[in-house]
C-alpha atoms as a PDB file:
ATOM      1  CA  MET A   1     161.430 237.669-105.271  1.00  0.00           C
ATOM      2  CA  GLN A   2     159.783 237.905-101.361  1.00  0.00           C
ATOM      3  CA  VAL A   3     158.813 234.712-100.897  1.00  0.00           C
ATOM      4  CA  ARG A   4     162.879 233.583-102.007  1.00  0.00           C
ATOM      5  CA  ASN A   5     164.099 236.229 -99.860  1.00  0.00           C
ATOM      6  CA  ARG A   6     162.124 234.646 -97.294  1.00  0.00           C
ATOM      7  CA  HIS A   7     163.247 230.945 -97.829  1.00  0.00           C
ATOM      8  CA  TRP A   8     167.060 232.658 -97.231  1.00  0.00           C
ATOM      9  CA  LEU A   9     166.163 233.852 -93.804  1.00  0.00           C
ATOM     10  CA  VAL A  10     164.718 230.835 -92.350  1.00  0.00           C
ATOM     11  CA  LEU A  11     167.528 228.713 -93.957  1.00  0.00           C
ATOM     12  CA  PHE A  12     169.874 231.460 -92.355  1.00  0.00           C
ATOM     13  CA  LEU A  13     168.129 231.300 -89.004  1.00  0.00           C
ATOM     14  CA  ILE A  14     168.220 227.880 -88.918  1.00  0.00           C
ATOM     15  CA  PHE A  15     172.421 227.100 -89.773  1.00  0.00           C
ATOM     16  CA  PHE A  16     172.541 230.308 -87.505  1.00  0.00           C
ATOM     17  CA  GLY A  17     170.681 227.881 -84.367  1.00  0.00           C
ATOM     18  CA  ILE A  18     172.373 224.915 -84.881  1.00  0.00           C
ATOM     19  CA  PRO A  19     175.595 225.729 -82.754  1.00  0.00           C
ATOM     20  CA  PHE A  20     173.352 226.583 -80.087  1.00  0.00           C
ATOM     21  CA  PHE A  21     172.259 223.031 -79.547  1.00  0.00           C
ATOM     22  CA  PHE A  22     175.751 222.640 -78.182  1.00  0.00           C
ATOM     23  CA  TRP A  23     177.058 225.735 -77.114  1.00  0.00           C
ATOM     24  CA  GLY A  24     176.469 228.672 -75.278  1.00  0.00           C
ATOM     25  CA  GLY A  25     172.683 229.359 -73.547  1.00  0.00           C
ATOM     26  CA  PRO A  26     172.255 229.702 -69.699  1.00  0.00           C
ATOM     27  CA  GLY A  27     174.610 228.391 -67.118  1.00  0.00           C
ATOM     28  CA  TYR A  28     173.400 226.659 -63.674  1.00  0.00           C
ATOM     29  CA  HIS A  29     172.405 229.576 -61.868  1.00  0.00           C
ATOM     30  CA  ALA A  30     171.143 231.715 -64.862  1.00  0.00           C
ATOM     31  CA  ALA A  31     167.650 233.506 -64.521  1.00  0.00           C
ATOM     32  CA  ARG A  32     164.587 231.288 -64.355  1.00  0.00           C
ATOM     33  CA  SER A  33     163.607 233.516 -67.425  1.00  0.00           C
ATOM     34  CA  PHE A  34     166.342 233.691 -69.385  1.00  0.00           C
ATOM     35  CA  LYS A  35     166.314 229.303 -68.666  1.00  0.00           C
ATOM     36  CA  ALA A  36     162.845 229.042 -69.765  1.00  0.00           C
ATOM     37  CA  ALA A  37     163.228 231.771 -73.412  1.00  0.00           C
ATOM     38  CA  TRP A  38     165.768 229.711 -73.954  1.00  0.00           C
ATOM     39  CA  ASP A  39     163.653 226.771 -74.199  1.00  0.00           C
ATOM     40  CA  LEU A  40     161.156 228.221 -76.137  1.00  0.00           C
ATOM     41  CA  GLY A  41     164.308 228.625 -78.991  1.00  0.00           C
ATOM     42  CA  HIS A  42     163.629 224.528 -80.027  1.00  0.00           C
ATOM     43  CA  ILE A  43     160.054 226.073 -80.920  1.00  0.00           C
ATOM     44  CA  LEU A  44     161.335 228.967 -83.230  1.00  0.00           C
ATOM     45  CA  PHE A  45     164.037 226.563 -84.701  1.00  0.00           C
ATOM     46  CA  PHE A  46     162.117 223.465 -85.501  1.00  0.00           C
ATOM     47  CA  GLY A  47     159.239 225.324 -86.463  1.00  0.00           C
ATOM     48  CA  CYS A  48     161.380 227.066 -89.288  1.00  0.00           C
ATOM     49  CA  PHE A  49     163.028 223.963 -90.333  1.00  0.00           C
ATOM     50  CA  SER A  50     159.382 222.547 -90.674  1.00  0.00           C
ATOM     51  CA  TRP A  51     158.346 225.217 -92.811  1.00  0.00           C
ATOM     52  CA  LEU A  52     161.584 225.134 -95.161  1.00  0.00           C
ATOM     53  CA  VAL A  53     160.638 221.519 -95.740  1.00  0.00           C
ATOM     54  CA  PHE A  54     157.080 222.133 -96.250  1.00  0.00           C
ATOM     55  CA  GLN A  55     158.063 224.449 -98.929  1.00  0.00           C
ATOM     56  CA  TYR A  56     160.470 222.327-100.758  1.00  0.00           C
ATOM     57  CA  TYR A  57     157.617 219.882-101.641  1.00  0.00           C
ATOM     58  CA  GLN A  58     155.049 222.543-102.251  1.00  0.00           C
ATOM     59  CA  THR A  59     156.376 222.252-106.064  1.00  0.00           C
ATOM     60  CA  ARG A  60     155.653 218.512-105.939  1.00  0.00           C
ATOM     61  CA  GLU A  61     151.767 218.931-106.143  1.00  0.00           C
ATOM     62  CA  GLU A  62     150.861 215.099-105.108  1.00  0.00           C
ATOM     63  CA  LEU A  63     152.682 215.607-102.291  1.00  0.00           C
ATOM     64  CA  ARG A  64     151.486 219.369-101.215  1.00  0.00           C
ATOM     65  CA  CYS A  65     150.412 219.876 -97.833  1.00  0.00           C
ATOM     66  CA  THR A  66     148.637 216.505 -97.249  1.00  0.00           C
ATOM     67  CA  LEU A  67     148.563 214.368 -93.817  1.00  0.00           C
ATOM     68  CA  ARG A  68     150.812 212.169 -95.588  1.00  0.00           C
ATOM     69  CA  LEU A  69     153.658 214.530 -95.954  1.00  0.00           C
ATOM     70  CA  PHE A  70     152.792 215.923 -92.144  1.00  0.00           C
ATOM     71  CA  LEU A  71     153.575 212.493 -90.726  1.00  0.00           C
ATOM     72  CA  GLY A  72     156.842 212.582 -92.810  1.00  0.00           C
ATOM     73  CA  ILE A  73     157.843 215.650 -91.651  1.00  0.00           C
ATOM     74  CA  PHE A  74     156.918 214.953 -87.889  1.00  0.00           C
ATOM     75  CA  ILE A  75     158.503 211.655 -87.902  1.00  0.00           C
ATOM     76  CA  LEU A  76     161.897 213.000 -89.128  1.00  0.00           C
ATOM     77  CA  VAL A  77     161.514 216.260 -86.648  1.00  0.00           C
ATOM     78  CA  LEU A  78     161.356 213.641 -83.802  1.00  0.00           C
ATOM     79  CA  VAL A  79     164.215 211.434 -84.822  1.00  0.00           C
ATOM     80  CA  LEU A  80     166.492 214.660 -85.482  1.00  0.00           C
ATOM     81  CA  GLY A  81     165.229 215.954 -81.787  1.00  0.00           C
ATOM     82  CA  ILE A  82     165.856 212.976 -80.267  1.00  0.00           C
ATOM     83  CA  GLY A  83     169.627 212.455 -81.942  1.00  0.00           C
ATOM     84  CA  VAL A  84     170.159 216.092 -80.592  1.00  0.00           C
ATOM     85  CA  GLU A  85     169.658 215.350 -77.096  1.00  0.00           C
ATOM     86  CA  PHE A  86     171.651 212.008 -77.425  1.00  0.00           C
ATOM     87  CA  MET A  87     174.563 213.924 -78.886  1.00  0.00           C
ATOM     88  CA  GLN A  88     174.827 216.290 -75.874  1.00  0.00           C
ATOM     89  CA  LEU A  89     175.098 213.661 -73.615  1.00  0.00           C
ATOM     90  CA  GLY A  90     178.878 214.205 -74.418  1.00  0.00           C
ATOM     91  CA  ILE A  91     179.312 217.443 -73.873  1.00  0.00           C
ATOM     92  CA  THR A  92     180.063 219.030 -70.635  1.00  0.00           C
ATOM     93  CA  GLY A  93     177.352 221.479 -68.512  1.00  0.00           C
ATOM     94  CA  ARG A  94     174.681 219.725 -71.328  1.00  0.00           C
ATOM     95  CA  HIS A  95     172.283 217.319 -70.458  1.00  0.00           C
ATOM     96  CA  PRO A  96     169.183 216.263 -72.410  1.00  0.00           C
ATOM     97  CA  ASP A  97     165.804 216.745 -71.803  1.00  0.00           C
ATOM     98  CA  PRO A  98     162.512 215.094 -72.954  1.00  0.00           C
ATOM     99  CA  TYR A  99     160.454 218.115 -73.085  1.00  0.00           C
ATOM    100  CA  ASP A 100     162.932 219.792 -75.772  1.00  0.00           C
ATOM    101  CA  VAL A 101     161.692 216.789 -77.626  1.00  0.00           C
ATOM    102  CA  LEU A 102     158.188 218.070 -77.263  1.00  0.00           C
ATOM    103  CA  ARG A 103     158.981 221.508 -77.963  1.00  0.00           C
ATOM    104  CA  ASN A 104     160.577 220.257 -81.569  1.00  0.00           C
ATOM    105  CA  GLN A 105     157.303 218.439 -81.916  1.00  0.00           C
ATOM    106  CA  LEU A 106     155.215 221.738 -81.273  1.00  0.00           C
ATOM    107  CA  GLY A 107     157.357 223.982 -83.819  1.00  0.00           C
ATOM    108  CA  CYS A 108     156.298 221.344 -86.207  1.00  0.00           C
ATOM    109  CA  LEU A 109     152.830 221.010 -85.760  1.00  0.00           C
ATOM    110  CA  VAL A 110     152.841 225.152 -85.747  1.00  0.00           C
ATOM    111  CA  ALA A 111     154.355 225.567 -89.180  1.00  0.00           C
ATOM    112  CA  TYR A 112     151.907 222.939 -90.576  1.00  0.00           C
ATOM    113  CA  VAL A 113     148.683 224.743 -89.151  1.00  0.00           C
ATOM    114  CA  PHE A 114     149.601 228.005 -89.167  1.00  0.00           C
ATOM    115  CA  PHE A 115     151.680 228.667 -92.342  1.00  0.00           C
ATOM    116  CA  CYS A 116     151.214 225.399 -94.721  1.00  0.00           C
ATOM    117  CA  CYS A 117     148.275 224.194 -93.946  1.00  0.00           C
ATOM    118  CA  ARG A 118     145.325 225.301 -95.759  1.00  0.00           C
ATOM    119  CA  LYS A 119     142.301 222.957 -96.796  1.00  0.00           C
ATOM    120  CA  GLU A 120     141.729 220.734 -93.464  1.00  0.00           C
ATOM    121  CA  LYS A 121     138.508 219.987 -93.009  1.00  0.00           C
ATOM    122  CA  TYR A 122     139.018 221.001 -89.017  1.00  0.00           C
ATOM    123  CA  LEU A 123     141.715 223.525 -89.180  1.00  0.00           C
ATOM    124  CA  THR A 124     140.355 225.890 -86.986  1.00  0.00           C
ATOM    125  CA  LEU A 125     140.269 223.585 -84.269  1.00  0.00           C
ATOM    126  CA  LEU A 126     143.565 222.320 -85.080  1.00  0.00           C
ATOM    127  CA  ARG A 127     144.929 226.118 -84.480  1.00  0.00           C
ATOM    128  CA  THR A 128     143.216 226.687 -81.510  1.00  0.00           C
ATOM    129  CA  THR A 129     144.592 223.101 -79.985  1.00  0.00           C
ATOM    130  CA  VAL A 130     147.946 223.912 -80.988  1.00  0.00           C
ATOM    131  CA  LEU A 131     147.665 227.583 -80.058  1.00  0.00           C
ATOM    132  CA  LEU A 132     146.949 226.659 -76.763  1.00  0.00           C
ATOM    133  CA  MET A 133     149.863 223.931 -76.523  1.00  0.00           C
ATOM    134  CA  LEU A 134     152.290 227.572 -77.524  1.00  0.00           C
ATOM    135  CA  LEU A 135     150.687 229.500 -74.471  1.00  0.00           C
ATOM    136  CA  LEU A 136     151.380 226.320 -72.478  1.00  0.00           C
ATOM    137  CA  ALA A 137     155.029 226.370 -73.147  1.00  0.00           C
ATOM    138  CA  ALA A 138     154.948 229.651 -72.585  1.00  0.00           C
ATOM    139  CA  TRP A 139     153.753 229.356 -69.518  1.00  0.00           C
ATOM    140  CA  PRO A 140     156.786 228.868 -67.477  1.00  0.00           C
ATOM    141  CA  LEU A 141     158.637 231.948 -69.328  1.00  0.00           C
ATOM    142  CA  CYS A 142     155.596 234.259 -67.872  1.00  0.00           C
ATOM    143  CA  ARG A 143     155.725 232.490 -64.122  1.00  0.00           C
ATOM    144  CA  ALA A 144     159.179 233.364 -64.050  1.00  0.00           C
ATOM    145  CA  LEU A 145     158.904 237.243 -65.726  1.00  0.00           C
ATOM    146  CA  ILE A 146     156.015 237.678 -63.185  1.00  0.00           C
ATOM    147  CA  ASP A 147     158.480 236.017 -59.817  1.00  0.00           C
ATOM    148  CA  GLU A 148     161.129 238.101 -60.896  1.00  0.00           C
ATOM    149  CA  LEU A 149     159.516 241.158 -60.499  1.00  0.00           C
ATOM    150  CA  ILE A 150     157.661 240.452 -57.492  1.00  0.00           C
ATOM    151  CA  ALA A 151     161.018 239.696 -56.117  1.00  0.00           C
ATOM    152  CA  ARG A 152     162.786 242.754 -57.507  1.00  0.00           C
ATOM    153  CA  GLU A 153     159.640 244.641 -55.772  1.00  0.00           C
ATOM    154  CA  GLN A 154     159.665 242.783 -52.379  1.00  0.00           C
ATOM    155  CA  PHE A 155     163.306 243.154 -51.910  1.00  0.00           C
ATOM    156  CA  PRO A 156     164.930 243.127 -49.448  1.00  0.00           C
ATOM    157  CA  VAL A 157     162.732 240.717 -48.544  1.00  0.00           C
ATOM    158  CA  LEU A 158     164.074 237.289 -50.329  1.00  0.00           C
ATOM    159  CA  ALA A 159     160.856 235.225 -49.572  1.00  0.00           C
ATOM    160  CA  ASP A 160     157.366 235.306 -47.681  1.00  0.00           C
ATOM    161  CA  PHE A 161     155.574 232.904 -49.194  1.00  0.00           C
ATOM    162  CA  GLU A 162     152.943 235.321 -49.526  1.00  0.00           C
ATOM    163  CA  THR A 163     152.872 235.002 -53.406  1.00  0.00           C
ATOM    164  CA  PRO A 164     151.792 232.408 -55.828  1.00  0.00           C
ATOM    165  CA  PHE A 165     155.464 231.428 -57.635  1.00  0.00           C
ATOM    166  CA  GLU A 166     157.883 231.677 -54.380  1.00  0.00           C
ATOM    167  CA  LEU A 167     158.158 227.908 -54.313  1.00  0.00           C
ATOM    168  CA  ALA A 168     159.716 228.525 -57.707  1.00  0.00           C
ATOM    169  CA  ARG A 169     162.962 230.721 -56.212  1.00  0.00           C
ATOM    170  CA  TRP A 170     163.810 227.556 -54.686  1.00  0.00           C
ATOM    171  CA  ARG A 171     165.552 224.359 -55.028  1.00  0.00           C
ATOM    172  CA  GLU A 172     164.646 220.537 -54.479  1.00  0.00           C
ATOM    173  CA  GLY A 173     160.809 221.742 -55.155  1.00  0.00           C
ATOM    174  CA  ARG A 174     159.604 218.021 -54.833  1.00  0.00           C
ATOM    175  CA  GLN A 175     160.226 218.704 -51.474  1.00  0.00           C
ATOM    176  CA  LEU A 176     158.547 221.643 -50.541  1.00  0.00           C
ATOM    177  CA  ALA A 177     154.584 222.960 -50.216  1.00  0.00           C
ATOM    178  CA  PHE A 178     153.226 225.982 -49.188  1.00  0.00           C
ATOM    179  CA  ASP A 179     151.846 225.889 -45.558  1.00  0.00           C
ATOM    180  CA  ARG A 180     148.740 227.607 -44.058  1.00  0.00           C
ATOM    181  CA  THR A 181     149.014 226.000 -40.625  1.00  0.00           C
ATOM    182  CA  LEU A 182     152.209 227.710 -39.157  1.00  0.00           C
ATOM    183  CA  ALA A 183     153.423 231.325 -39.997  1.00  0.00           C
ATOM    184  CA  ARG A 184     155.732 233.420 -38.396  1.00  0.00           C
ATOM    185  CA  HIS A 185     154.981 236.378 -40.454  1.00  0.00           C
ATOM    186  CA  GLY A 186     151.605 236.851 -42.751  1.00  0.00           C
ATOM    187  CA  ARG A 187     149.648 234.058 -43.416  1.00  0.00           C
ATOM    188  CA  LYS A 188     151.969 231.177 -45.009  1.00  0.00           C
ATOM    189  CA  SER A 189     155.397 229.581 -44.427  1.00  0.00           C
ATOM    190  CA  MET A 190     157.178 226.696 -46.738  1.00  0.00           C
ATOM    191  CA  ARG A 191     157.266 223.466 -45.798  1.00  0.00           C
ATOM    192  CA  VAL A 192     160.342 221.437 -46.223  1.00  0.00           C
ATOM    193  CA  GLN A 193     160.359 217.846 -46.445  1.00  0.00           C
ATOM    194  CA  LEU A 194     163.464 216.495 -45.329  1.00  0.00           C
ATOM    195  CA  SER A 195     165.080 212.929 -45.819  1.00  0.00           C
ATOM    196  CA  THR A 196     168.057 210.493 -44.077  1.00  0.00           C
ATOM    197  CA  ALA A 197     170.451 211.219 -47.168  1.00  0.00           C
ATOM    198  CA  MET A 198     173.769 212.791 -45.972  1.00  0.00           C
ATOM    199  CA  TYR A 199     172.778 215.965 -47.245  1.00  0.00           C
ATOM    200  CA  SER A 200     168.820 216.807 -47.034  1.00  0.00           C
ATOM    201  CA  GLY A 201     167.404 220.955 -47.401  1.00  0.00           C
ATOM    202  CA  THR A 202     166.774 223.180 -49.828  1.00  0.00           C
ATOM    203  CA  ALA A 203     168.982 226.428 -51.417  1.00  0.00           C
ATOM    204  CA  LEU A 204     167.391 230.060 -52.141  1.00  0.00           C
ATOM    205  CA  PHE A 205     168.704 230.226 -56.177  1.00  0.00           C
ATOM    206  CA  TYR A 206     166.601 232.788 -57.862  1.00  0.00           C
ATOM    207  CA  PHE A 207     166.707 236.268 -56.122  1.00  0.00           C
ATOM    208  CA  PRO A 208     168.008 239.717 -56.064  1.00  0.00           C
ATOM    209  CA  HIS A 209     171.992 239.324 -56.050  1.00  0.00           C
ATOM    210  CA  ASP A 210     172.824 242.591 -55.381  1.00  0.00           C
ATOM    211  CA  TRP A 211     173.321 242.456 -51.460  1.00  0.00           C
ATOM    212  CA  ARG A 212     175.683 245.297 -50.389  1.00  0.00           C
ATOM    213  CA  GLY A 213     174.680 247.946 -47.846  1.00  0.00           C
ATOM    214  CA  TYR A 214     173.103 244.996 -45.974  1.00  0.00           C
ATOM    215  CA  ARG A 215     173.718 244.110 -42.590  1.00  0.00           C
ATOM    216  CA  TRP A 216     172.158 241.086 -41.729  1.00  0.00           C
ATOM    217  CA  LEU A 217     170.055 238.118 -43.022  1.00  0.00           C
ATOM    218  CA  SER A 218     167.752 236.940 -41.302  1.00  0.00           C
ATOM    219  CA  LEU A 219     164.848 233.761 -41.573  1.00  0.00           C
ATOM    220  CA  SER A 220     162.413 232.100 -39.173  1.00  0.00           C
ATOM    221  CA  VAL A 221     162.277 228.077 -39.044  1.00  0.00           C
ATOM    222  CA  TYR A 222     159.955 226.111 -37.249  1.00  0.00           C
ATOM    223  CA  ASN A 223     161.288 222.621 -35.651  1.00  0.00           C
ATOM    224  CA  PRO A 224     158.494 220.714 -34.898  1.00  0.00           C
ATOM    225  CA  GLU A 225     160.564 217.979 -33.093  1.00  0.00           C
ATOM    226  CA  PRO A 226     160.496 217.592 -29.405  1.00  0.00           C
ATOM    227  CA  GLU A 227     164.116 218.050 -29.373  1.00  0.00           C
ATOM    228  CA  PRO A 228     166.680 220.406 -31.026  1.00  0.00           C
ATOM    229  CA  VAL A 229     168.130 220.112 -34.430  1.00  0.00           C
ATOM    230  CA  THR A 230     171.469 221.358 -36.173  1.00  0.00           C
ATOM    231  CA  LEU A 231     169.942 223.108 -39.096  1.00  0.00           C
ATOM    232  CA  HIS A 232     173.417 223.931 -41.283  1.00  0.00           C
ATOM    233  CA  CYS A 233     174.035 226.924 -43.534  1.00  0.00           C
ATOM    234  CA  ARG A 234     175.941 227.852 -46.473  1.00  0.00           C
ATOM    235  CA  ILE A 235     176.472 231.084 -48.901  1.00  0.00           C
ATOM    236  CA  HIS A 236     178.581 231.508 -51.655  1.00  0.00           C
ATOM    237  CA  ASP A 237     179.137 233.517 -54.390  1.00  0.00           C
ATOM    238  CA  ARG A 238     179.128 233.984 -58.539  1.00  0.00           C
ATOM    239  CA  TRP A 239     183.546 232.761 -58.238  1.00  0.00           C
ATOM    240  CA  HIS A 240     183.177 230.041 -56.437  1.00  0.00           C
ATOM    241  CA  ASN A 241     182.507 227.403 -58.825  1.00  0.00           C
ATOM    242  CA  LYS A 242     186.307 228.352 -59.653  1.00  0.00           C
ATOM    243  CA  SER A 243     187.813 227.291 -56.723  1.00  0.00           C
ATOM    244  CA  GLY A 244     185.911 224.064 -56.954  1.00  0.00           C
ATOM    245  CA  GLN A 245     183.650 224.896 -54.531  1.00  0.00           C
ATOM    246  CA  ALA A 246     186.018 224.448 -52.059  1.00  0.00           C
ATOM    247  CA  PHE A 247     184.466 223.848 -48.233  1.00  0.00           C
ATOM    248  CA  SER A 248     186.911 227.005 -47.250  1.00  0.00           C
ATOM    249  CA  ASP A 249     185.755 229.274 -50.416  1.00  0.00           C
ATOM    250  CA  ARG A 250     182.309 230.084 -48.868  1.00  0.00           C
ATOM    251  CA  PHE A 251     180.142 230.938 -45.617  1.00  0.00           C
ATOM    252  CA  HIS A 252     179.044 228.069 -43.252  1.00  0.00           C
ATOM    253  CA  ASP A 253     177.500 228.092 -40.030  1.00  0.00           C
ATOM    254  CA  LYS A 254     174.983 226.203 -37.929  1.00  0.00           C
ATOM    255  CA  PHE A 255     172.124 226.491 -35.780  1.00  0.00           C
ATOM    256  CA  ILE A 256     170.710 224.626 -32.983  1.00  0.00           C
ATOM    257  CA  LEU A 257     166.695 224.803 -33.479  1.00  0.00           C
ATOM    258  CA  ARG A 258     164.837 224.498 -30.362  1.00  0.00           C
ATOM    259  CA  PRO A 259     161.011 223.126 -30.651  1.00  0.00           C
ATOM    260  CA  GLY A 260     158.618 225.660 -32.167  1.00  0.00           C
ATOM    261  CA  TRP A 261     159.941 229.190 -34.139  1.00  0.00           C
ATOM    262  CA  ASN A 262     163.385 229.967 -34.151  1.00  0.00           C
ATOM    263  CA  ASP A 263     164.796 233.471 -35.396  1.00  0.00           C
ATOM    264  CA  LEU A 264     168.103 233.136 -36.731  1.00  0.00           C
ATOM    265  CA  ARG A 265     170.193 236.277 -37.809  1.00  0.00           C
ATOM    266  CA  ILE A 266     173.433 235.914 -39.987  1.00  0.00           C
ATOM    267  CA  SER A 267     176.156 238.850 -39.941  1.00  0.00           C
ATOM    268  CA  LEU A 268     176.673 239.626 -43.600  1.00  0.00           C
ATOM    269  CA  GLU A 269     180.302 240.974 -42.408  1.00  0.00           C
ATOM    270  CA  ALA A 270     181.253 237.250 -41.983  1.00  0.00           C
ATOM    271  CA  VAL A 271     179.597 236.437 -44.455  1.00  0.00           C
ATOM    272  CA  ARG A 272     181.829 238.557 -46.610  1.00  0.00           C
ATOM    273  CA  LEU A 273     185.162 237.730 -45.084  1.00  0.00           C
ATOM    274  CA  ALA A 274     184.720 234.014 -45.122  1.00  0.00           C
ATOM    275  CA  PRO A 275     186.508 233.051 -47.936  1.00  0.00           C
ATOM    276  CA  ALA A 276     190.061 231.855 -47.380  1.00  0.00           C
ATOM    277  CA  GLY A 277     192.084 234.413 -49.247  1.00  0.00           C
ATOM    278  CA  ARG A 278     189.611 236.742 -50.572  1.00  0.00           C
ATOM    279  CA  GLU A 279     186.323 238.235 -50.044  1.00  0.00           C
ATOM    280  CA  MET A 280     183.050 237.546 -50.860  1.00  0.00           C
ATOM    281  CA  ASP A 281     181.567 239.098 -53.790  1.00  0.00           C
ATOM    282  CA  MET A 282     178.334 240.911 -52.107  1.00  0.00           C
ATOM    283  CA  GLN A 283     177.025 242.047 -55.549  1.00  0.00           C
ATOM    284  CA  TYR A 284     176.482 238.603 -56.633  1.00  0.00           C
ATOM    285  CA  ILE A 285     175.784 236.635 -53.748  1.00  0.00           C
ATOM    286  CA  GLU A 286     174.702 232.951 -55.829  1.00  0.00           C
ATOM    287  CA  SER A 287     173.104 230.544 -53.642  1.00  0.00           C
ATOM    288  CA  PHE A 288     171.466 230.622 -49.898  1.00  0.00           C
ATOM    289  CA  GLY A 289     171.466 226.994 -48.334  1.00  0.00           C
ATOM    290  CA  ILE A 290     169.989 225.778 -45.551  1.00  0.00           C
ATOM    291  CA  PHE A 291     170.277 221.400 -44.726  1.00  0.00           C
ATOM    292  CA  VAL A 292     170.851 219.050 -41.880  1.00  0.00           C
ATOM    293  CA  ILE A 293     173.420 216.160 -42.207  1.00  0.00           C
ATOM    294  CA  ARG A 294     171.966 212.461 -41.830  1.00  0.00           C
ATOM    295  CA  ARG A 295     168.921 212.564 -39.688  1.00  0.00           C
ATOM    296  CA  ALA A 296     168.029 209.069 -38.444  1.00  0.00           C
ATOM    297  CA  LYS A 297     164.553 209.512 -39.551  1.00  0.00           C
ATOM    298  CA  PRO A 298     162.870 211.750 -42.143  1.00  0.00           C
ATOM    299  CA  MET A 299     161.428 215.130 -40.760  1.00  0.00           C
ATOM    300  CA  VAL A 300     160.071 218.546 -41.718  1.00  0.00           C
ATOM    301  CA  LEU A 301     161.012 221.865 -41.066  1.00  0.00           C
ATOM    302  CA  HIS A 302     158.960 225.001 -41.975  1.00  0.00           C
ATOM    303  CA  VAL A 303     160.672 227.998 -43.075  1.00  0.00           C
ATOM    304  CA  ASP A 304     159.407 231.700 -43.246  1.00  0.00           C
ATOM    305  CA  TYR A 305     160.176 235.713 -43.838  1.00  0.00           C
ATOM    306  CA  VAL A 306     163.502 235.631 -45.426  1.00  0.00           C
ATOM    307  CA  TYR A 307     165.300 238.629 -45.491  1.00  0.00           C
ATOM    308  CA  LEU A 308     168.064 241.330 -45.550  1.00  0.00           C
ATOM    309  CA  SER A 309     168.424 243.934 -43.116  1.00  0.00           C
ATOM    310  CA  ASN A 310     170.391 246.741 -41.140  1.00  0.00           C
END
């Protein structure tokens, strides 16, 4: 009776989980930990699915937990997973992710080595390997939780680049790197590689969003060029998408960066009053971006010590 109840429970979880491949989930600006936890749902779903299929074939002695059965289910999960990713192409806000396919396959492996396989010669080695793969898959969630805790403790400092995961708070990560040779505060800064694209820069995406009670946003930017550089900045809140991301619905300003370090300060009162016809929601600032426009050649900037103050 307990086994039958367990089957029904797993079957319920599978049918309950199917809609979430196409509906719901974290938004574009959702917390990194929520996004990472959502991704792990692929392992849970296809682990349950694989376990249920394995259990179905337990009644057939010639197929019971054999390597042939495992390969068949592994291929079935692969086909279903790829199919789900292709179906998401036609759904607004959904994008295929090859890593989701890998997580699906990991769920199948978990079901086999931990719950179905009993007589495999190298079972201990298999379980250890799959466990290491699980830990690797869970690392983005652990990293996000650690840095989110650090960010809350650092606030009102938004980024000082002294802790190991701070670059992940910023977008365009392939253009970013820690730099120990230049620092305005502490021992490191963030090196930003800029291209000749129309807009090239980075944006702070993951941070404590409630900026009420502060008057200034400050940051330091190093310009290694011998001539001044125009740096643009933009700030928007969670309601910005409802305006179609109109230019008039966000804060925008620009600074002339002299060669060397430049200590910049932005009035949060100006930010609050920037959107046309409304006030910025200072309780939920969603993004702070810095960028240059159509540079004639690639260049580098260094950013350090981004913080709120009174």
